[in-house]
């Protein structure tokens, strides 16, 4: 594929449904990461499962919470993009 130099970026997926499918897949990846971080965090509360001291367990929980938040931000961004594209696709049907 070729494109003239006009200063605009090249977009391969220009159809709304293509973009919607891509953003849904990306959102699913981030949602899976958030779910795994949350499950790891809840596992630290199960007695006799974590064999570290209480301060280390709390430090681990804080680190997991930070990573969960870092993955939740893009997940929310892509969720809003998916919602916007769904609304946009209804207007073109």
PDB file of N, CA and C in Angstrom:
ATOM      1  N   UNK A   1       0.835  -1.172   0.000  1.00  0.00           N
ATOM      2  CA  UNK A   1       0.000   0.000   0.000  1.00  0.00           C
ATOM      3  C   UNK A   1       0.882   1.238   0.000  1.00  0.00           C
ATOM      4  N   UNK A   2       0.453   2.205  -0.746  1.00  0.00           N
ATOM      5  CA  UNK A   2       1.189   3.455  -0.819  1.00  0.00           C
ATOM      6  C   UNK A   2       0.275   4.601  -0.456  1.00  0.00           C
ATOM      7  N   UNK A   3       0.904   5.671   0.034  1.00  0.00           N
ATOM      8  CA  UNK A   3       0.147   6.853   0.433  1.00  0.00           C
ATOM      9  C   UNK A   3       0.948   8.076   0.041  1.00  0.00           C
ATOM     10  N   UNK A   4       0.269   9.078  -0.440  1.00  0.00           N
ATOM     11  CA  UNK A   4       0.950  10.323  -0.779  1.00  0.00           C
ATOM     12  C   UNK A   4       1.396  11.023   0.494  1.00  0.00           C
ATOM     13  N   UNK A   5       2.436  11.774   0.408  1.00  0.00           N
ATOM     14  CA  UNK A   5       2.902  12.563   1.551  1.00  0.00           C
ATOM     15  C   UNK A   5       2.019  13.796   1.685  1.00  0.00           C
ATOM     16  N   UNK A   6       1.101  13.727   2.616  1.00  0.00           N
ATOM     17  CA  UNK A   6       0.227  14.869   2.843  1.00  0.00           C
ATOM     18  C   UNK A   6       0.276  15.339   4.291  1.00  0.00           C
ATOM     19  N   UNK A   7       1.170  14.749   5.091  1.00  0.00           N
ATOM     20  CA  UNK A   7       1.308  15.179   6.485  1.00  0.00           C
ATOM     21  C   UNK A   7       0.384  14.460   7.443  1.00  0.00           C
ATOM     22  N   UNK A   8      -0.547  13.678   6.949  1.00  0.00           N
ATOM     23  CA  UNK A   8      -1.468  12.932   7.804  1.00  0.00           C
ATOM     24  C   UNK A   8      -0.920  11.536   8.060  1.00  0.00           C
ATOM     25  N   UNK A   9      -1.325  10.952   9.164  1.00  0.00           N
ATOM     26  CA  UNK A   9      -0.874   9.601   9.477  1.00  0.00           C
ATOM     27  C   UNK A   9      -1.625   8.581   8.625  1.00  0.00           C
ATOM     28  N   UNK A  10      -0.988   7.440   8.432  1.00  0.00           N
ATOM     29  CA  UNK A  10      -1.577   6.366   7.640  1.00  0.00           C
ATOM     30  C   UNK A  10      -2.359   5.444   8.559  1.00  0.00           C
ATOM     31  N   UNK A  11      -3.619   5.229   8.259  1.00  0.00           N
ATOM     32  CA  UNK A  11      -4.458   4.338   9.052  1.00  0.00           C
ATOM     33  C   UNK A  11      -4.865   3.150   8.186  1.00  0.00           C
ATOM     34  N   UNK A  12      -4.477   1.970   8.658  1.00  0.00           N
ATOM     35  CA  UNK A  12      -4.803   0.760   7.909  1.00  0.00           C
ATOM     36  C   UNK A  12      -6.257   0.348   8.129  1.00  0.00           C
ATOM     37  N   UNK A  13      -6.725   0.431   9.365  1.00  0.00           N
ATOM     38  CA  UNK A  13      -8.096   0.041   9.706  1.00  0.00           C
ATOM     39  C   UNK A  13      -8.945   1.308   9.815  1.00  0.00           C
ATOM     40  N   UNK A  14      -9.613   1.646   8.752  1.00  0.00           N
ATOM     41  CA  UNK A  14     -10.391   2.876   8.755  1.00  0.00           C
ATOM     42  C   UNK A  14     -11.871   2.634   8.999  1.00  0.00           C
ATOM     43  N   UNK A  15     -12.323   1.411   8.902  1.00  0.00           N
ATOM     44  CA  UNK A  15     -13.719   1.092   9.155  1.00  0.00           C
ATOM     45  C   UNK A  15     -13.978   1.121  10.654  1.00  0.00           C
ATOM     46  N   UNK A  16     -15.125   1.591  11.062  1.00  0.00           N
ATOM     47  CA  UNK A  16     -15.457   1.688  12.489  1.00  0.00           C
ATOM     48  C   UNK A  16     -15.501   0.309  13.129  1.00  0.00           C
ATOM     49  N   UNK A  17     -16.008  -0.676  12.415  1.00  0.00           N
ATOM     50  CA  UNK A  17     -16.104  -2.023  12.984  1.00  0.00           C
ATOM     51  C   UNK A  17     -14.717  -2.648  13.176  1.00  0.00           C
ATOM     52  N   UNK A  18     -13.779  -2.335  12.272  1.00  0.00           N
ATOM     53  CA  UNK A  18     -12.404  -2.814  12.452  1.00  0.00           C
ATOM     54  C   UNK A  18     -11.776  -2.208  13.698  1.00  0.00           C
ATOM     55  N   UNK A  19     -11.944  -0.906  13.846  1.00  0.00           N
ATOM     56  CA  UNK A  19     -11.404  -0.230  15.029  1.00  0.00           C
ATOM     57  C   UNK A  19     -12.057  -0.759  16.292  1.00  0.00           C
ATOM     58  N   UNK A  20     -13.344  -0.997  16.231  1.00  0.00           N
ATOM     59  CA  UNK A  20     -14.072  -1.503  17.393  1.00  0.00           C
ATOM     60  C   UNK A  20     -13.540  -2.873  17.807  1.00  0.00           C
ATOM     61  N   UNK A  21     -13.297  -3.742  16.860  1.00  0.00           N
ATOM     62  CA  UNK A  21     -12.764  -5.073  17.176  1.00  0.00           C
ATOM     63  C   UNK A  21     -11.361  -4.995  17.763  1.00  0.00           C
ATOM     64  N   UNK A  22     -10.530  -4.118  17.238  1.00  0.00           N
ATOM     65  CA  UNK A  22      -9.170  -3.960  17.758  1.00  0.00           C
ATOM     66  C   UNK A  22      -9.201  -3.428  19.180  1.00  0.00           C
ATOM     67  N   UNK A  23     -10.006  -2.400  19.411  1.00  0.00           N
ATOM     68  CA  UNK A  23     -10.070  -1.808  20.761  1.00  0.00           C
ATOM     69  C   UNK A  23     -10.682  -2.772  21.776  1.00  0.00           C
ATOM     70  N   UNK A  24     -11.615  -3.602  21.339  1.00  0.00           N
ATOM     71  CA  UNK A  24     -12.172  -4.613  22.243  1.00  0.00           C
ATOM     72  C   UNK A  24     -11.111  -5.630  22.647  1.00  0.00           C
ATOM     73  N   UNK A  25     -10.279  -6.032  21.708  1.00  0.00           N
ATOM     74  CA  UNK A  25      -9.214  -6.994  22.011  1.00  0.00           C
ATOM     75  C   UNK A  25      -8.198  -6.383  22.976  1.00  0.00           C
ATOM     76  N   UNK A  26      -7.838  -5.139  22.758  1.00  0.00           N
ATOM     77  CA  UNK A  26      -6.890  -4.471  23.652  1.00  0.00           C
ATOM     78  C   UNK A  26      -7.497  -4.309  25.042  1.00  0.00           C
ATOM     79  N   UNK A  27      -8.770  -3.930  25.088  1.00  0.00           N
ATOM     80  CA  UNK A  27      -9.443  -3.774  26.384  1.00  0.00           C
ATOM     81  C   UNK A  27      -9.506  -5.094  27.130  1.00  0.00           C
ATOM     82  N   UNK A  28      -9.724  -6.182  26.404  1.00  0.00           N
ATOM     83  CA  UNK A  28      -9.787  -7.505  27.014  1.00  0.00           C
ATOM     84  C   UNK A  28      -8.452  -7.884  27.659  1.00  0.00           C
ATOM     85  N   UNK A  29      -7.352  -7.517  27.020  1.00  0.00           N
ATOM     86  CA  UNK A  29      -6.024  -7.806  27.571  1.00  0.00           C
ATOM     87  C   UNK A  29      -5.824  -7.054  28.877  1.00  0.00           C
ATOM     88  N   UNK A  30      -6.157  -5.757  28.884  1.00  0.00           N
ATOM     89  CA  UNK A  30      -5.998  -4.977  30.107  1.00  0.00           C
ATOM     90  C   UNK A  30      -6.949  -5.448  31.202  1.00  0.00           C
ATOM     91  N   UNK A  31      -8.167  -5.848  30.838  1.00  0.00           N
ATOM     92  CA  UNK A  31      -9.110  -6.354  31.840  1.00  0.00           C
ATOM     93  C   UNK A  31      -8.596  -7.650  32.456  1.00  0.00           C
ATOM     94  N   UNK A  32      -8.000  -8.498  31.641  1.00  0.00           N
ATOM     95  CA  UNK A  32      -7.425  -9.745  32.148  1.00  0.00           C
ATOM     96  C   UNK A  32      -6.294  -9.446  33.129  1.00  0.00           C
ATOM     97  N   UNK A  33      -5.456  -8.466  32.793  1.00  0.00           N
ATOM     98  CA  UNK A  33      -4.361  -8.088  33.692  1.00  0.00           C
ATOM     99  C   UNK A  33      -4.884  -7.542  35.017  1.00  0.00           C
ATOM    100  N   UNK A  34      -5.905  -6.718  34.965  1.00  0.00           N
ATOM    101  CA  UNK A  34      -6.492  -6.171  36.194  1.00  0.00           C
ATOM    102  C   UNK A  34      -7.080  -7.297  37.041  1.00  0.00           C
ATOM    103  N   UNK A  35      -7.753  -8.229  36.400  1.00  0.00           N
ATOM    104  CA  UNK A  35      -8.339  -9.360  37.120  1.00  0.00           C
ATOM    105  C   UNK A  35      -7.262 -10.199  37.797  1.00  0.00           C
ATOM    106  N   UNK A  36      -6.176 -10.472  37.088  1.00  0.00           N
ATOM    107  CA  UNK A  36      -5.090 -11.281  37.663  1.00  0.00           C
ATOM    108  C   UNK A  36      -4.424 -10.567  38.843  1.00  0.00           C
ATOM    109  N   UNK A  37      -4.210  -9.263  38.720  1.00  0.00           N
ATOM    110  CA  UNK A  37      -3.617  -8.504  39.829  1.00  0.00           C
ATOM    111  C   UNK A  37      -4.548  -8.503  41.038  1.00  0.00           C
ATOM    112  N   UNK A  38      -5.840  -8.362  40.786  1.00  0.00           N
ATOM    113  CA  UNK A  38      -6.802  -8.371  41.889  1.00  0.00           C
ATOM    114  C   UNK A  38      -6.838  -9.745  42.563  1.00  0.00           C
ATOM    115  N   UNK A  39      -6.783 -10.810  41.767  1.00  0.00           N
ATOM    116  CA  UNK A  39      -6.772 -12.155  42.351  1.00  0.00           C
ATOM    117  C   UNK A  39      -5.501 -12.408  43.153  1.00  0.00           C
ATOM    118  N   UNK A  40      -4.368 -11.948  42.639  1.00  0.00           N
ATOM    119  CA  UNK A  40      -3.124 -12.095  43.403  1.00  0.00           C
ATOM    120  C   UNK A  40      -3.190 -11.308  44.715  1.00  0.00           C
ATOM    121  N   UNK A  41      -3.779 -10.141  44.657  1.00  0.00           N
ATOM    122  CA  UNK A  41      -3.933  -9.335  45.874  1.00  0.00           C
ATOM    123  C   UNK A  41      -4.831  -9.999  46.898  1.00  0.00           C
ATOM    124  N   UNK A  42      -5.919 -10.601  46.439  1.00  0.00           N
ATOM    125  CA  UNK A  42      -6.812 -11.271  47.388  1.00  0.00           C
ATOM    126  C   UNK A  42      -6.190 -12.548  47.934  1.00  0.00           C
ATOM    127  N   UNK A  43      -5.325 -13.178  47.151  1.00  0.00           N
ATOM    128  CA  UNK A  43      -4.668 -14.385  47.649  1.00  0.00           C
ATOM    129  C   UNK A  43      -3.730 -14.088  48.812  1.00  0.00           C
ATOM    130  N   UNK A  44      -3.235 -12.860  48.898  1.00  0.00           N
ATOM    131  CA  UNK A  44      -2.337 -12.522  50.005  1.00  0.00           C
ATOM    132  C   UNK A  44      -3.093 -12.426  51.330  1.00  0.00           C
ATOM    133  N   UNK A  45      -4.413 -12.338  51.290  1.00  0.00           N
ATOM    134  CA  UNK A  45      -5.206 -12.282  52.515  1.00  0.00           C
ATOM    135  C   UNK A  45      -5.579 -13.667  53.046  1.00  0.00           C
ATOM    136  N   UNK A  46      -5.353 -14.702  52.265  1.00  0.00           N
ATOM    137  CA  UNK A  46      -5.678 -16.060  52.705  1.00  0.00           C
ATOM    138  C   UNK A  46      -4.605 -16.516  53.691  1.00  0.00           C
ATOM    139  N   UNK A  47      -5.015 -16.926  54.889  1.00  0.00           N
ATOM    140  CA  UNK A  47      -4.015 -17.334  55.877  1.00  0.00           C
ATOM    141  C   UNK A  47      -3.261 -18.590  55.437  1.00  0.00           C
ATOM    142  N   UNK A  48      -2.009 -18.678  55.844  1.00  0.00           N
ATOM    143  CA  UNK A  48      -1.108 -19.801  55.563  1.00  0.00           C
ATOM    144  C   UNK A  48      -0.790 -19.975  54.080  1.00  0.00           C
ATOM    145  N   UNK A  49      -1.156 -19.024  53.241  1.00  0.00           N
ATOM    146  CA  UNK A  49      -0.826 -19.116  51.829  1.00  0.00           C
ATOM    147  C   UNK A  49       0.449 -18.332  51.518  1.00  0.00           C
ATOM    148  N   UNK A  50       0.610 -17.204  52.199  1.00  0.00           N
ATOM    149  CA  UNK A  50       1.803 -16.376  52.009  1.00  0.00           C
ATOM    150  C   UNK A  50       2.729 -16.639  53.185  1.00  0.00           C
ATOM    151  N   UNK A  51       3.944 -17.065  52.883  1.00  0.00           N
ATOM    152  CA  UNK A  51       4.865 -17.427  53.961  1.00  0.00           C
ATOM    153  C   UNK A  51       5.884 -16.323  54.237  1.00  0.00           C
ATOM    154  N   UNK A  52       5.431 -15.073  54.172  1.00  0.00           N
ATOM    155  CA  UNK A  52       6.302 -13.947  54.489  1.00  0.00           C
ATOM    156  C   UNK A  52       5.721 -13.206  55.685  1.00  0.00           C
ATOM    157  N   UNK A  53       6.504 -12.309  56.242  1.00  0.00           N
ATOM    158  CA  UNK A  53       6.028 -11.558  57.399  1.00  0.00           C
ATOM    159  C   UNK A  53       4.920 -10.589  56.984  1.00  0.00           C
ATOM    160  N   UNK A  54       4.221 -10.077  57.985  1.00  0.00           N
ATOM    161  CA  UNK A  54       3.086  -9.191  57.724  1.00  0.00           C
ATOM    162  C   UNK A  54       3.502  -7.904  56.999  1.00  0.00           C
ATOM    163  N   UNK A  55       4.598  -7.235  57.391  1.00  0.00           N
ATOM    164  CA  UNK A  55       4.975  -6.021  56.649  1.00  0.00           C
ATOM    165  C   UNK A  55       5.322  -6.297  55.185  1.00  0.00           C
ATOM    166  N   UNK A  56       5.966  -7.418  54.914  1.00  0.00           N
ATOM    167  CA  UNK A  56       6.296  -7.768  53.527  1.00  0.00           C
ATOM    168  C   UNK A  56       5.009  -8.085  52.751  1.00  0.00           C
ATOM    169  N   UNK A  57       4.057  -8.731  53.406  1.00  0.00           N
ATOM    170  CA  UNK A  57       2.784  -9.029  52.748  1.00  0.00           C
ATOM    171  C   UNK A  57       2.044  -7.737  52.407  1.00  0.00           C
ATOM    172  N   UNK A  58       2.067  -6.765  53.307  1.00  0.00           N
ATOM    173  CA  UNK A  58       1.413  -5.489  53.022  1.00  0.00           C
ATOM    174  C   UNK A  58       2.140  -4.736  51.921  1.00  0.00           C
ATOM    175  N   UNK A  59       3.464  -4.826  51.890  1.00  0.00           N
ATOM    176  CA  UNK A  59       4.215  -4.194  50.801  1.00  0.00           C
ATOM    177  C   UNK A  59       3.850  -4.842  49.464  1.00  0.00           C
ATOM    178  N   UNK A  60       3.707  -6.155  49.451  1.00  0.00           N
ATOM    179  CA  UNK A  60       3.302  -6.869  48.245  1.00  0.00           C
ATOM    180  C   UNK A  60       1.902  -6.443  47.809  1.00  0.00           C
ATOM    181  N   UNK A  61       1.002  -6.277  48.754  1.00  0.00           N
ATOM    182  CA  UNK A  61      -0.369  -5.838  48.442  1.00  0.00           C
ATOM    183  C   UNK A  61      -0.360  -4.437  47.833  1.00  0.00           C
ATOM    184  N   UNK A  62       0.486  -3.563  48.360  1.00  0.00           N
ATOM    185  CA  UNK A  62       0.558  -2.198  47.840  1.00  0.00           C
ATOM    186  C   UNK A  62       1.117  -2.193  46.425  1.00  0.00           C
ATOM    187  N   UNK A  63       2.149  -3.000  46.189  1.00  0.00           N
ATOM    188  CA  UNK A  63       2.720  -3.088  44.848  1.00  0.00           C
ATOM    189  C   UNK A  63       1.695  -3.640  43.864  1.00  0.00           C
ATOM    190  N   UNK A  64       0.957  -4.659  44.271  1.00  0.00           N
ATOM    191  CA  UNK A  64      -0.079  -5.222  43.398  1.00  0.00           C
ATOM    192  C   UNK A  64      -1.181  -4.208  43.137  1.00  0.00           C
ATOM    193  N   UNK A  65      -1.530  -3.419  44.142  1.00  0.00           N
ATOM    194  CA  UNK A  65      -2.549  -2.389  43.968  1.00  0.00           C
ATOM    195  C   UNK A  65      -2.079  -1.323  42.973  1.00  0.00           C
ATOM    196  N   UNK A  66      -0.820  -0.953  43.058  1.00  0.00           N
ATOM    197  CA  UNK A  66      -0.277   0.038  42.120  1.00  0.00           C
ATOM    198  C   UNK A  66      -0.316  -0.509  40.694  1.00  0.00           C
ATOM    199  N   UNK A  67       0.137  -1.746  40.516  1.00  0.00           N
ATOM    200  CA  UNK A  67       0.111  -2.334  39.178  1.00  0.00           C
ATOM    201  C   UNK A  67      -1.312  -2.516  38.669  1.00  0.00           C
ATOM    202  N   UNK A  68      -2.216  -2.845  39.557  1.00  0.00           N
ATOM    203  CA  UNK A  68      -3.624  -2.982  39.166  1.00  0.00           C
ATOM    204  C   UNK A  68      -4.158  -1.632  38.673  1.00  0.00           C
ATOM    205  N   UNK A  69      -3.804  -0.567  39.372  1.00  0.00           N
ATOM    206  CA  UNK A  69      -4.220   0.768  38.950  1.00  0.00           C
ATOM    207  C   UNK A  69      -3.600   1.169  37.624  1.00  0.00           C
ATOM    208  N   UNK A  70      -2.332   0.794  37.431  1.00  0.00           N
ATOM    209  CA  UNK A  70      -1.670   1.125  36.165  1.00  0.00           C
ATOM    210  C   UNK A  70      -2.306   0.399  34.985  1.00  0.00           C
ATOM    211  N   UNK A  71      -2.809  -0.784  35.202  1.00  0.00           N
ATOM    212  CA  UNK A  71      -3.499  -1.499  34.128  1.00  0.00           C
ATOM    213  C   UNK A  71      -4.956  -1.052  33.993  1.00  0.00           C
ATOM    214  N   UNK A  72      -5.544  -0.545  35.072  1.00  0.00           N
ATOM    215  CA  UNK A  72      -6.947  -0.126  35.028  1.00  0.00           C
ATOM    216  C   UNK A  72      -7.131   1.174  34.251  1.00  0.00           C
ATOM    217  N   UNK A  73      -6.119   2.032  34.254  1.00  0.00           N
ATOM    218  CA  UNK A  73      -6.244   3.309  33.546  1.00  0.00           C
ATOM    219  C   UNK A  73      -6.409   3.096  32.039  1.00  0.00           C
ATOM    220  N   UNK A  74      -5.528   2.331  31.375  1.00  0.00           N
ATOM    221  CA  UNK A  74      -5.759   2.100  29.939  1.00  0.00           C
ATOM    222  C   UNK A  74      -7.018   1.286  29.662  1.00  0.00           C
ATOM    223  N   UNK A  75      -7.381   0.401  30.590  1.00  0.00           N
ATOM    224  CA  UNK A  75      -8.605  -0.367  30.401  1.00  0.00           C
ATOM    225  C   UNK A  75      -9.808   0.580  30.360  1.00  0.00           C
ATOM    226  N   UNK A  76      -9.836   1.561  31.249  1.00  0.00           N
ATOM    227  CA  UNK A  76     -10.934   2.535  31.252  1.00  0.00           C
ATOM    228  C   UNK A  76     -10.914   3.372  29.978  1.00  0.00           C
ATOM    229  N   UNK A  77      -9.713   3.725  29.508  1.00  0.00           N
ATOM    230  CA  UNK A  77      -9.587   4.510  28.279  1.00  0.00           C
ATOM    231  C   UNK A  77     -10.144   3.740  27.090  1.00  0.00           C
ATOM    232  N   UNK A  78      -9.754   2.474  26.965  1.00  0.00           N
ATOM    233  CA  UNK A  78     -10.235   1.680  25.841  1.00  0.00           C
ATOM    234  C   UNK A  78     -11.715   1.335  25.991  1.00  0.00           C
ATOM    235  N   UNK A  79     -12.208   1.234  27.208  1.00  0.00           N
ATOM    236  CA  UNK A  79     -13.648   1.004  27.400  1.00  0.00           C
ATOM    237  C   UNK A  79     -14.447   2.202  26.909  1.00  0.00           C
ATOM    238  N   UNK A  80     -13.948   3.397  27.193  1.00  0.00           N
ATOM    239  CA  UNK A  80     -14.661   4.587  26.715  1.00  0.00           C
ATOM    240  C   UNK A  80     -14.569   4.698  25.192  1.00  0.00           C
ATOM    241  N   UNK A  81     -13.430   4.301  24.612  1.00  0.00           N
ATOM    242  CA  UNK A  81     -13.321   4.304  23.151  1.00  0.00           C
ATOM    243  C   UNK A  81     -14.278   3.287  22.523  1.00  0.00           C
ATOM    244  N   UNK A  82     -14.402   2.121  23.129  1.00  0.00           N
ATOM    245  CA  UNK A  82     -15.333   1.108  22.623  1.00  0.00           C
ATOM    246  C   UNK A  82     -16.767   1.613  22.712  1.00  0.00           C
ATOM    247  N   UNK A  83     -17.089   2.240  23.809  1.00  0.00           N
ATOM    248  CA  UNK A  83     -18.445   2.782  23.980  1.00  0.00           C
ATOM    249  C   UNK A  83     -18.721   3.859  22.931  1.00  0.00           C
ATOM    250  N   UNK A  84     -17.734   4.737  22.714  1.00  0.00           N
ATOM    251  CA  UNK A  84     -17.897   5.797  21.721  1.00  0.00           C
ATOM    252  C   UNK A  84     -18.061   5.210  20.319  1.00  0.00           C
ATOM    253  N   UNK A  85     -17.242   4.219  19.974  1.00  0.00           N
ATOM    254  CA  UNK A  85     -17.340   3.628  18.634  1.00  0.00           C
ATOM    255  C   UNK A  85     -18.634   2.849  18.448  1.00  0.00           C
ATOM    256  N   UNK A  86     -19.156   2.239  19.516  1.00  0.00           N
ATOM    257  CA  UNK A  86     -20.452   1.569  19.407  1.00  0.00           C
ATOM    258  C   UNK A  86     -21.550   2.570  19.100  1.00  0.00           C
ATOM    259  N   UNK A  87     -21.503   3.708  19.792  1.00  0.00           N
ATOM    260  CA  UNK A  87     -22.495   4.760  19.526  1.00  0.00           C
ATOM    261  C   UNK A  87     -22.331   5.301  18.107  1.00  0.00           C
ATOM    262  N   UNK A  88     -21.077   5.466  17.689  1.00  0.00           N
ATOM    263  CA  UNK A  88     -20.790   5.974  16.357  1.00  0.00           C
ATOM    264  C   UNK A  88     -21.243   4.993  15.275  1.00  0.00           C
ATOM    265  N   UNK A  89     -21.090   3.706  15.523  1.00  0.00           N
ATOM    266  CA  UNK A  89     -21.495   2.717  14.523  1.00  0.00           C
ATOM    267  C   UNK A  89     -23.008   2.651  14.388  1.00  0.00           C
ATOM    268  N   UNK A  90     -23.727   2.967  15.450  1.00  0.00           N
ATOM    269  CA  UNK A  90     -25.194   2.986  15.346  1.00  0.00           C
ATOM    270  C   UNK A  90     -25.667   4.093  14.442  1.00  0.00           C
ATOM    271  N   UNK A  91     -24.939   5.212  14.411  1.00  0.00           N
ATOM    272  CA  UNK A  91     -25.351   6.319  13.551  1.00  0.00           C
ATOM    273  C   UNK A  91     -25.085   6.041  12.076  1.00  0.00           C
ATOM    274  N   UNK A  92     -24.121   5.161  11.770  1.00  0.00           N
ATOM    275  CA  UNK A  92     -23.804   4.846  10.387  1.00  0.00           C
ATOM    276  C   UNK A  92     -24.597   3.662   9.840  1.00  0.00           C
ATOM    277  N   UNK A  93     -25.366   3.007  10.652  1.00  0.00           N
ATOM    278  CA  UNK A  93     -26.139   1.847  10.173  1.00  0.00           C
ATOM    279  C   UNK A  93     -27.415   2.268   9.504  1.00  0.00           C
TER     280      UNK A  93
END
